[in-house]
Amino acid sequence: MLTANDTPPAASVQAQGENAKVSALADAIEQDSLATSFAAQFREGKRISGFVDYSPAEVARNAAKRERWKAQLATIRADALGEVERETYDILRFTLIETPMDENEYWLTFDLTPYQAPMQLGMVHQVLATQPLASRDNAAGYLRLLGEYASM
């Protein structure tokens, strides 16, 4: 048992650092999702900023973000993580590495397939149905979303 004057073991200090790195990466990915994903915004009750951009330029931007996150994940020593952080690490690893989503995979993982379109479009309909219309700003936001929906 450590007392106030004892120095924590080096392994414990390293684990704290590795735990902090995986938590920071998970938080950064979640914040990006809340800033860019209408599904995440809807899930959290946030104002919807827009729908999915299926353009190749957006796919390239997202692929670049994923590569940066993968590089950050590669710097984390999984064997030094606590139990909860190890689970977070494993989820990030699966999401970022084992399910590639880059420009080369774009047409192989396209969201609007006959199998996925009803779910995606159904969520769009839910978003539109829940938009407030109490003010001019609300109405303008709703019309902007309708315009985006028409061009999806």
N, C-alpha and C. Protein backbone atom coordinates (compact mmCIF):
# COMPACT_ATOMS: atom_id res chain seq x y z
N MET A 1 0.84 -1.17 0.00
CA MET A 1 0.00 0.00 0.00
C MET A 1 0.89 1.24 0.00
N LEU A 2 0.54 2.21 -0.84
CA LEU A 2 1.33 3.43 -0.95
C LEU A 2 0.91 4.43 0.12
N THR A 3 1.89 5.12 0.66
CA THR A 3 1.59 6.23 1.56
C THR A 3 1.79 7.52 0.79
N ALA A 4 1.49 8.63 1.40
CA ALA A 4 1.60 9.93 0.73
C ALA A 4 3.02 10.21 0.27
N ASN A 5 4.03 9.65 0.95
CA ASN A 5 5.43 9.92 0.60
C ASN A 5 6.00 8.95 -0.42
N ASP A 6 5.27 7.88 -0.71
CA ASP A 6 5.76 6.88 -1.66
C ASP A 6 5.56 7.35 -3.09
N THR A 7 6.46 6.93 -3.95
CA THR A 7 6.34 7.21 -5.38
C THR A 7 5.58 6.06 -6.02
N PRO A 8 4.58 6.36 -6.87
CA PRO A 8 3.84 5.27 -7.50
C PRO A 8 4.76 4.47 -8.42
N PRO A 9 4.52 3.19 -8.56
CA PRO A 9 5.34 2.38 -9.46
C PRO A 9 5.30 2.93 -10.88
N ALA A 10 6.40 2.74 -11.60
CA ALA A 10 6.50 3.25 -12.98
C ALA A 10 5.38 2.69 -13.85
N ALA A 11 5.02 1.42 -13.64
CA ALA A 11 3.95 0.82 -14.44
C ALA A 11 2.64 1.55 -14.22
N SER A 12 2.37 1.96 -12.98
CA SER A 12 1.14 2.68 -12.67
C SER A 12 1.11 4.04 -13.36
N VAL A 13 2.24 4.73 -13.35
CA VAL A 13 2.33 6.03 -14.00
C VAL A 13 2.12 5.87 -15.50
N GLN A 14 2.76 4.85 -16.08
CA GLN A 14 2.59 4.61 -17.51
C GLN A 14 1.14 4.27 -17.83
N ALA A 15 0.51 3.45 -17.00
CA ALA A 15 -0.89 3.10 -17.23
C ALA A 15 -1.77 4.34 -17.20
N GLN A 16 -1.51 5.25 -16.27
CA GLN A 16 -2.29 6.48 -16.22
C GLN A 16 -2.12 7.28 -17.50
N GLY A 17 -0.89 7.34 -18.00
CA GLY A 17 -0.63 8.06 -19.25
C GLY A 17 -1.32 7.41 -20.44
N GLU A 18 -1.24 6.09 -20.51
CA GLU A 18 -1.88 5.37 -21.62
C GLU A 18 -3.41 5.47 -21.51
N ASN A 19 -3.93 5.35 -20.29
CA ASN A 19 -5.37 5.50 -20.08
C ASN A 19 -5.83 6.89 -20.53
N ALA A 20 -5.06 7.91 -20.20
CA ALA A 20 -5.41 9.28 -20.58
C ALA A 20 -5.38 9.45 -22.10
N LYS A 21 -4.41 8.80 -22.76
CA LYS A 21 -4.31 8.92 -24.22
C LYS A 21 -5.52 8.28 -24.91
N VAL A 22 -5.91 7.10 -24.46
CA VAL A 22 -7.05 6.44 -25.10
C VAL A 22 -8.34 7.21 -24.82
N SER A 23 -8.48 7.74 -23.62
CA SER A 23 -9.67 8.54 -23.28
C SER A 23 -9.72 9.81 -24.12
N ALA A 24 -8.58 10.48 -24.28
CA ALA A 24 -8.52 11.70 -25.08
C ALA A 24 -8.87 11.42 -26.54
N LEU A 25 -8.38 10.31 -27.08
CA LEU A 25 -8.69 9.97 -28.47
C LEU A 25 -10.18 9.65 -28.62
N ALA A 26 -10.73 8.87 -27.71
CA ALA A 26 -12.16 8.55 -27.77
C ALA A 26 -13.00 9.82 -27.66
N ASP A 27 -12.62 10.73 -26.77
CA ASP A 27 -13.34 11.99 -26.63
C ASP A 27 -13.26 12.83 -27.90
N ALA A 28 -12.08 12.89 -28.51
CA ALA A 28 -11.92 13.66 -29.75
C ALA A 28 -12.80 13.11 -30.87
N ILE A 29 -12.86 11.79 -30.97
CA ILE A 29 -13.68 11.16 -32.01
C ILE A 29 -15.16 11.44 -31.73
N GLU A 30 -15.57 11.35 -30.48
CA GLU A 30 -16.97 11.63 -30.13
C GLU A 30 -17.32 13.08 -30.41
N GLN A 31 -16.44 14.01 -30.07
CA GLN A 31 -16.71 15.43 -30.33
C GLN A 31 -16.79 15.68 -31.84
N ASP A 32 -15.94 15.04 -32.61
CA ASP A 32 -16.01 15.18 -34.07
C ASP A 32 -17.34 14.64 -34.58
N SER A 33 -17.77 13.52 -34.05
CA SER A 33 -19.04 12.93 -34.44
C SER A 33 -20.19 13.87 -34.13
N LEU A 34 -20.17 14.47 -32.95
CA LEU A 34 -21.23 15.42 -32.57
C LEU A 34 -21.22 16.67 -33.45
N ALA A 35 -20.06 17.04 -33.96
CA ALA A 35 -19.95 18.22 -34.80
C ALA A 35 -20.33 17.94 -36.25
N THR A 36 -20.20 16.68 -36.69
CA THR A 36 -20.36 16.40 -38.12
C THR A 36 -21.46 15.40 -38.47
N SER A 37 -21.92 14.62 -37.54
CA SER A 37 -22.88 13.56 -37.84
C SER A 37 -24.29 13.93 -37.40
N PHE A 38 -25.20 13.99 -38.35
CA PHE A 38 -26.58 14.32 -37.98
C PHE A 38 -27.18 13.24 -37.09
N ALA A 39 -26.76 11.99 -37.28
CA ALA A 39 -27.29 10.91 -36.43
C ALA A 39 -26.83 11.09 -34.99
N ALA A 40 -25.57 11.46 -34.78
CA ALA A 40 -25.06 11.70 -33.42
C ALA A 40 -25.73 12.93 -32.82
N GLN A 41 -25.90 13.96 -33.61
CA GLN A 41 -26.56 15.18 -33.11
C GLN A 41 -28.00 14.86 -32.71
N PHE A 42 -28.69 14.09 -33.53
CA PHE A 42 -30.08 13.73 -33.25
C PHE A 42 -30.16 12.87 -31.98
N ARG A 43 -29.25 11.90 -31.88
CA ARG A 43 -29.22 11.02 -30.70
C ARG A 43 -29.03 11.80 -29.41
N GLU A 44 -28.21 12.86 -29.46
CA GLU A 44 -27.91 13.65 -28.27
C GLU A 44 -28.85 14.84 -28.08
N GLY A 45 -29.85 14.99 -28.96
CA GLY A 45 -30.80 16.08 -28.83
C GLY A 45 -30.22 17.44 -29.20
N LYS A 46 -29.17 17.44 -30.01
CA LYS A 46 -28.52 18.68 -30.44
C LYS A 46 -29.19 19.20 -31.71
N ARG A 47 -28.91 20.45 -32.01
CA ARG A 47 -29.41 21.03 -33.25
C ARG A 47 -28.70 20.36 -34.43
N ILE A 48 -29.45 19.99 -35.45
CA ILE A 48 -28.91 19.30 -36.62
C ILE A 48 -28.24 20.32 -37.53
N SER A 49 -26.95 20.10 -37.81
CA SER A 49 -26.21 21.05 -38.63
C SER A 49 -26.30 20.73 -40.12
N GLY A 50 -26.64 19.51 -40.47
CA GLY A 50 -26.76 19.12 -41.86
C GLY A 50 -26.80 17.61 -41.98
N PHE A 51 -27.05 17.14 -43.20
CA PHE A 51 -27.12 15.71 -43.43
C PHE A 51 -25.78 15.20 -43.97
N VAL A 52 -25.76 13.96 -44.37
CA VAL A 52 -24.53 13.31 -44.82
C VAL A 52 -24.09 13.90 -46.16
N ASP A 53 -22.81 14.18 -46.25
CA ASP A 53 -22.20 14.64 -47.49
C ASP A 53 -21.53 13.43 -48.13
N TYR A 54 -22.06 12.96 -49.24
CA TYR A 54 -21.53 11.78 -49.91
C TYR A 54 -20.50 12.11 -50.98
N SER A 55 -20.02 13.34 -51.01
CA SER A 55 -19.08 13.73 -52.06
C SER A 55 -17.72 13.08 -51.85
N PRO A 56 -17.00 12.84 -52.93
CA PRO A 56 -15.65 12.28 -52.80
C PRO A 56 -14.72 13.16 -51.97
N ALA A 57 -14.90 14.48 -52.03
CA ALA A 57 -14.07 15.38 -51.23
C ALA A 57 -14.30 15.15 -49.74
N GLU A 58 -15.54 14.94 -49.34
CA GLU A 58 -15.83 14.69 -47.93
C GLU A 58 -15.29 13.32 -47.50
N VAL A 59 -15.38 12.35 -48.39
CA VAL A 59 -14.82 11.03 -48.10
C VAL A 59 -13.32 11.15 -47.87
N ALA A 60 -12.65 11.95 -48.69
CA ALA A 60 -11.20 12.16 -48.53
C ALA A 60 -10.89 12.84 -47.20
N ARG A 61 -11.68 13.84 -46.81
CA ARG A 61 -11.47 14.50 -45.52
C ARG A 61 -11.65 13.51 -44.37
N ASN A 62 -12.70 12.72 -44.45
CA ASN A 62 -12.96 11.74 -43.39
C ASN A 62 -11.87 10.67 -43.34
N ALA A 63 -11.38 10.25 -44.51
CA ALA A 63 -10.30 9.27 -44.55
C ALA A 63 -9.03 9.84 -43.90
N ALA A 64 -8.75 11.11 -44.15
CA ALA A 64 -7.57 11.75 -43.55
C ALA A 64 -7.71 11.81 -42.03
N LYS A 65 -8.91 12.13 -41.54
CA LYS A 65 -9.15 12.14 -40.08
C LYS A 65 -8.92 10.75 -39.50
N ARG A 66 -9.48 9.74 -40.16
CA ARG A 66 -9.32 8.37 -39.67
C ARG A 66 -7.85 7.97 -39.63
N GLU A 67 -7.07 8.39 -40.62
CA GLU A 67 -5.63 8.07 -40.64
C GLU A 67 -4.93 8.74 -39.46
N ARG A 68 -5.28 9.98 -39.15
CA ARG A 68 -4.68 10.66 -38.00
C ARG A 68 -5.05 9.93 -36.71
N TRP A 69 -6.32 9.54 -36.60
CA TRP A 69 -6.75 8.82 -35.39
C TRP A 69 -6.06 7.46 -35.30
N LYS A 70 -5.92 6.77 -36.42
CA LYS A 70 -5.22 5.48 -36.41
C LYS A 70 -3.77 5.66 -35.96
N ALA A 71 -3.14 6.73 -36.41
CA ALA A 71 -1.75 7.00 -36.00
C ALA A 71 -1.69 7.27 -34.49
N GLN A 72 -2.66 8.00 -33.96
CA GLN A 72 -2.70 8.23 -32.51
C GLN A 72 -2.92 6.92 -31.77
N LEU A 73 -3.82 6.10 -32.27
CA LEU A 73 -4.10 4.82 -31.63
C LEU A 73 -2.85 3.94 -31.61
N ALA A 74 -2.06 4.00 -32.65
CA ALA A 74 -0.85 3.18 -32.74
C ALA A 74 0.19 3.56 -31.69
N THR A 75 0.09 4.77 -31.12
CA THR A 75 1.06 5.19 -30.10
C THR A 75 0.66 4.71 -28.70
N ILE A 76 -0.50 4.11 -28.57
CA ILE A 76 -1.00 3.68 -27.26
C ILE A 76 -0.59 2.24 -26.99
N ARG A 77 -0.01 2.01 -25.83
CA ARG A 77 0.38 0.65 -25.42
C ARG A 77 -0.83 -0.03 -24.79
N ALA A 78 -1.45 -0.92 -25.54
CA ALA A 78 -2.65 -1.59 -25.08
C ALA A 78 -2.41 -2.43 -23.83
N ASP A 79 -1.22 -2.99 -23.71
CA ASP A 79 -0.93 -3.85 -22.56
C ASP A 79 -0.80 -3.06 -21.25
N ALA A 80 -0.74 -1.74 -21.34
CA ALA A 80 -0.62 -0.91 -20.13
C ALA A 80 -1.96 -0.29 -19.73
N LEU A 81 -3.02 -0.61 -20.43
CA LEU A 81 -4.32 0.01 -20.16
C LEU A 81 -5.07 -0.69 -19.03
N GLY A 82 -5.91 0.09 -18.36
CA GLY A 82 -6.84 -0.47 -17.40
C GLY A 82 -7.95 -1.21 -18.14
N GLU A 83 -8.79 -1.91 -17.40
CA GLU A 83 -9.81 -2.75 -18.01
C GLU A 83 -10.79 -1.95 -18.88
N VAL A 84 -11.32 -0.87 -18.36
CA VAL A 84 -12.30 -0.07 -19.11
C VAL A 84 -11.63 0.58 -20.32
N GLU A 85 -10.45 1.11 -20.12
CA GLU A 85 -9.74 1.75 -21.22
C GLU A 85 -9.35 0.74 -22.30
N ARG A 86 -9.07 -0.49 -21.88
CA ARG A 86 -8.75 -1.54 -22.85
C ARG A 86 -9.97 -1.85 -23.72
N GLU A 87 -11.15 -1.84 -23.13
CA GLU A 87 -12.37 -2.04 -23.91
C GLU A 87 -12.56 -0.89 -24.90
N THR A 88 -12.32 0.33 -24.44
CA THR A 88 -12.42 1.49 -25.32
C THR A 88 -11.41 1.37 -26.46
N TYR A 89 -10.19 0.99 -26.12
CA TYR A 89 -9.13 0.79 -27.11
C TYR A 89 -9.57 -0.25 -28.15
N ASP A 90 -10.12 -1.37 -27.70
CA ASP A 90 -10.54 -2.43 -28.61
C ASP A 90 -11.65 -1.95 -29.55
N ILE A 91 -12.58 -1.17 -29.02
CA ILE A 91 -13.64 -0.62 -29.87
C ILE A 91 -13.06 0.34 -30.90
N LEU A 92 -12.14 1.21 -30.47
CA LEU A 92 -11.51 2.14 -31.41
C LEU A 92 -10.72 1.38 -32.46
N ARG A 93 -10.01 0.36 -32.03
CA ARG A 93 -9.22 -0.45 -32.97
C ARG A 93 -10.13 -1.09 -34.01
N PHE A 94 -11.23 -1.67 -33.56
CA PHE A 94 -12.17 -2.29 -34.49
C PHE A 94 -12.75 -1.25 -35.44
N THR A 95 -13.14 -0.12 -34.91
CA THR A 95 -13.76 0.93 -35.71
C THR A 95 -12.79 1.53 -36.72
N LEU A 96 -11.57 1.82 -36.27
CA LEU A 96 -10.62 2.54 -37.12
C LEU A 96 -9.77 1.63 -38.01
N ILE A 97 -9.47 0.44 -37.55
CA ILE A 97 -8.52 -0.40 -38.27
C ILE A 97 -9.19 -1.59 -38.95
N GLU A 98 -10.04 -2.28 -38.23
CA GLU A 98 -10.60 -3.51 -38.76
C GLU A 98 -11.82 -3.27 -39.66
N THR A 99 -12.37 -2.07 -39.65
CA THR A 99 -13.45 -1.72 -40.57
C THR A 99 -13.01 -0.51 -41.38
N PRO A 100 -12.15 -0.73 -42.39
CA PRO A 100 -11.60 0.41 -43.13
C PRO A 100 -12.69 1.19 -43.85
N MET A 101 -12.51 2.49 -43.87
CA MET A 101 -13.44 3.36 -44.58
C MET A 101 -12.59 4.48 -45.18
N ASP A 102 -12.09 4.22 -46.36
CA ASP A 102 -11.27 5.23 -47.00
C ASP A 102 -11.72 5.40 -48.45
N GLU A 103 -10.98 6.20 -49.18
CA GLU A 103 -11.36 6.47 -50.56
C GLU A 103 -11.39 5.19 -51.42
N ASN A 104 -10.51 4.25 -51.11
CA ASN A 104 -10.49 3.00 -51.88
C ASN A 104 -11.71 2.13 -51.58
N GLU A 105 -12.25 2.26 -50.39
CA GLU A 105 -13.39 1.44 -49.96
C GLU A 105 -14.73 2.15 -50.17
N TYR A 106 -14.70 3.38 -50.61
CA TYR A 106 -15.90 4.22 -50.66
C TYR A 106 -17.08 3.54 -51.34
N TRP A 107 -16.88 3.04 -52.52
CA TRP A 107 -18.01 2.46 -53.26
C TRP A 107 -18.37 1.07 -52.76
N LEU A 108 -17.51 0.47 -51.96
CA LEU A 108 -17.82 -0.84 -51.40
C LEU A 108 -18.62 -0.74 -50.11
N THR A 109 -18.58 0.42 -49.47
CA THR A 109 -19.26 0.60 -48.18
C THR A 109 -20.25 1.76 -48.23
N PHE A 110 -20.74 2.07 -49.38
CA PHE A 110 -21.63 3.21 -49.57
C PHE A 110 -22.91 3.04 -48.75
N ASP A 111 -23.29 4.10 -48.03
CA ASP A 111 -24.43 4.01 -47.11
C ASP A 111 -25.78 3.86 -47.80
N LEU A 112 -25.93 4.38 -48.97
CA LEU A 112 -27.24 4.34 -49.61
C LEU A 112 -27.38 3.17 -50.57
N THR A 113 -27.29 1.98 -50.03
CA THR A 113 -27.56 0.77 -50.79
C THR A 113 -29.04 0.44 -50.63
N PRO A 114 -29.57 -0.46 -51.44
CA PRO A 114 -30.98 -0.83 -51.26
C PRO A 114 -31.27 -1.37 -49.86
N TYR A 115 -30.22 -1.88 -49.19
CA TYR A 115 -30.42 -2.46 -47.86
C TYR A 115 -30.36 -1.42 -46.75
N GLN A 116 -29.57 -0.39 -46.96
CA GLN A 116 -29.38 0.60 -45.91
C GLN A 116 -30.18 1.89 -46.12
N ALA A 117 -30.56 2.19 -47.34
CA ALA A 117 -31.25 3.45 -47.62
C ALA A 117 -32.50 3.64 -46.77
N PRO A 118 -33.35 2.63 -46.59
CA PRO A 118 -34.55 2.87 -45.77
C PRO A 118 -34.23 3.32 -44.34
N MET A 119 -33.16 2.76 -43.76
CA MET A 119 -32.79 3.16 -42.41
C MET A 119 -32.26 4.59 -42.41
N GLN A 120 -31.36 4.91 -43.34
CA GLN A 120 -30.80 6.26 -43.42
C GLN A 120 -31.90 7.29 -43.69
N LEU A 121 -32.74 7.02 -44.68
CA LEU A 121 -33.78 7.98 -45.02
C LEU A 121 -34.84 8.07 -43.93
N GLY A 122 -35.09 6.95 -43.26
CA GLY A 122 -36.03 6.98 -42.14
C GLY A 122 -35.55 7.89 -41.03
N MET A 123 -34.25 7.88 -40.77
CA MET A 123 -33.69 8.76 -39.75
C MET A 123 -33.81 10.22 -40.19
N VAL A 124 -33.59 10.48 -41.48
CA VAL A 124 -33.75 11.84 -42.01
C VAL A 124 -35.18 12.30 -41.77
N HIS A 125 -36.14 11.43 -42.02
CA HIS A 125 -37.54 11.79 -41.81
C HIS A 125 -37.81 12.08 -40.34
N GLN A 126 -37.22 11.30 -39.44
CA GLN A 126 -37.38 11.56 -38.00
C GLN A 126 -36.79 12.92 -37.64
N VAL A 127 -35.62 13.23 -38.18
CA VAL A 127 -34.98 14.52 -37.90
C VAL A 127 -35.88 15.65 -38.37
N LEU A 128 -36.36 15.54 -39.60
CA LEU A 128 -37.21 16.61 -40.13
C LEU A 128 -38.50 16.76 -39.33
N ALA A 129 -39.06 15.65 -38.89
CA ALA A 129 -40.31 15.70 -38.13
C ALA A 129 -40.15 16.34 -36.76
N THR A 130 -38.93 16.35 -36.23
CA THR A 130 -38.72 16.89 -34.88
C THR A 130 -38.14 18.30 -34.88
N GLN A 131 -37.94 18.88 -36.05
CA GLN A 131 -37.36 20.22 -36.09
C GLN A 131 -38.37 21.26 -35.60
N PRO A 132 -37.93 22.14 -34.71
CA PRO A 132 -38.83 23.18 -34.23
C PRO A 132 -39.09 24.20 -35.33
N LEU A 133 -40.29 24.76 -35.33
CA LEU A 133 -40.67 25.76 -36.33
C LEU A 133 -41.22 27.02 -35.65
N ALA A 134 -40.82 27.27 -34.42
CA ALA A 134 -41.38 28.36 -33.63
C ALA A 134 -40.87 29.74 -34.02
N SER A 135 -39.76 29.81 -34.73
CA SER A 135 -39.20 31.12 -35.08
C SER A 135 -38.76 31.13 -36.54
N ARG A 136 -38.42 32.29 -37.02
CA ARG A 136 -37.93 32.41 -38.40
C ARG A 136 -36.62 31.63 -38.57
N ASP A 137 -35.75 31.70 -37.55
CA ASP A 137 -34.50 30.96 -37.61
C ASP A 137 -34.75 29.45 -37.68
N ASN A 138 -35.71 28.98 -36.88
CA ASN A 138 -36.07 27.56 -36.93
C ASN A 138 -36.58 27.18 -38.32
N ALA A 139 -37.46 28.00 -38.86
CA ALA A 139 -38.02 27.72 -40.18
C ALA A 139 -36.93 27.76 -41.25
N ALA A 140 -36.00 28.71 -41.16
CA ALA A 140 -34.90 28.79 -42.12
C ALA A 140 -34.02 27.55 -42.03
N GLY A 141 -33.75 27.09 -40.81
CA GLY A 141 -32.97 25.87 -40.63
C GLY A 141 -33.68 24.66 -41.21
N TYR A 142 -34.98 24.60 -41.01
CA TYR A 142 -35.77 23.49 -41.55
C TYR A 142 -35.72 23.49 -43.08
N LEU A 143 -35.89 24.66 -43.68
CA LEU A 143 -35.84 24.76 -45.14
C LEU A 143 -34.45 24.41 -45.68
N ARG A 144 -33.41 24.79 -44.95
CA ARG A 144 -32.05 24.44 -45.34
C ARG A 144 -31.87 22.91 -45.32
N LEU A 145 -32.37 22.27 -44.26
CA LEU A 145 -32.30 20.81 -44.18
C LEU A 145 -33.11 20.14 -45.29
N LEU A 146 -34.27 20.70 -45.61
CA LEU A 146 -35.06 20.14 -46.72
C LEU A 146 -34.28 20.23 -48.03
N GLY A 147 -33.59 21.35 -48.24
CA GLY A 147 -32.78 21.50 -49.44
C GLY A 147 -31.65 20.47 -49.49
N GLU A 148 -31.02 20.24 -48.35
CA GLU A 148 -29.96 19.22 -48.29
C GLU A 148 -30.53 17.83 -48.56
N TYR A 149 -31.69 17.56 -48.00
CA TYR A 149 -32.33 16.27 -48.19
C TYR A 149 -32.60 16.03 -49.68
N ALA A 150 -33.06 17.06 -50.36
CA ALA A 150 -33.37 16.93 -51.79
C ALA A 150 -32.11 16.64 -52.61
N SER A 151 -30.95 17.07 -52.11
CA SER A 151 -29.73 16.86 -52.89
C SER A 151 -28.89 15.68 -52.41
N MET A 152 -29.40 14.91 -51.45
CA MET A 152 -28.64 13.76 -50.95
C MET A 152 -28.42 12.72 -52.02
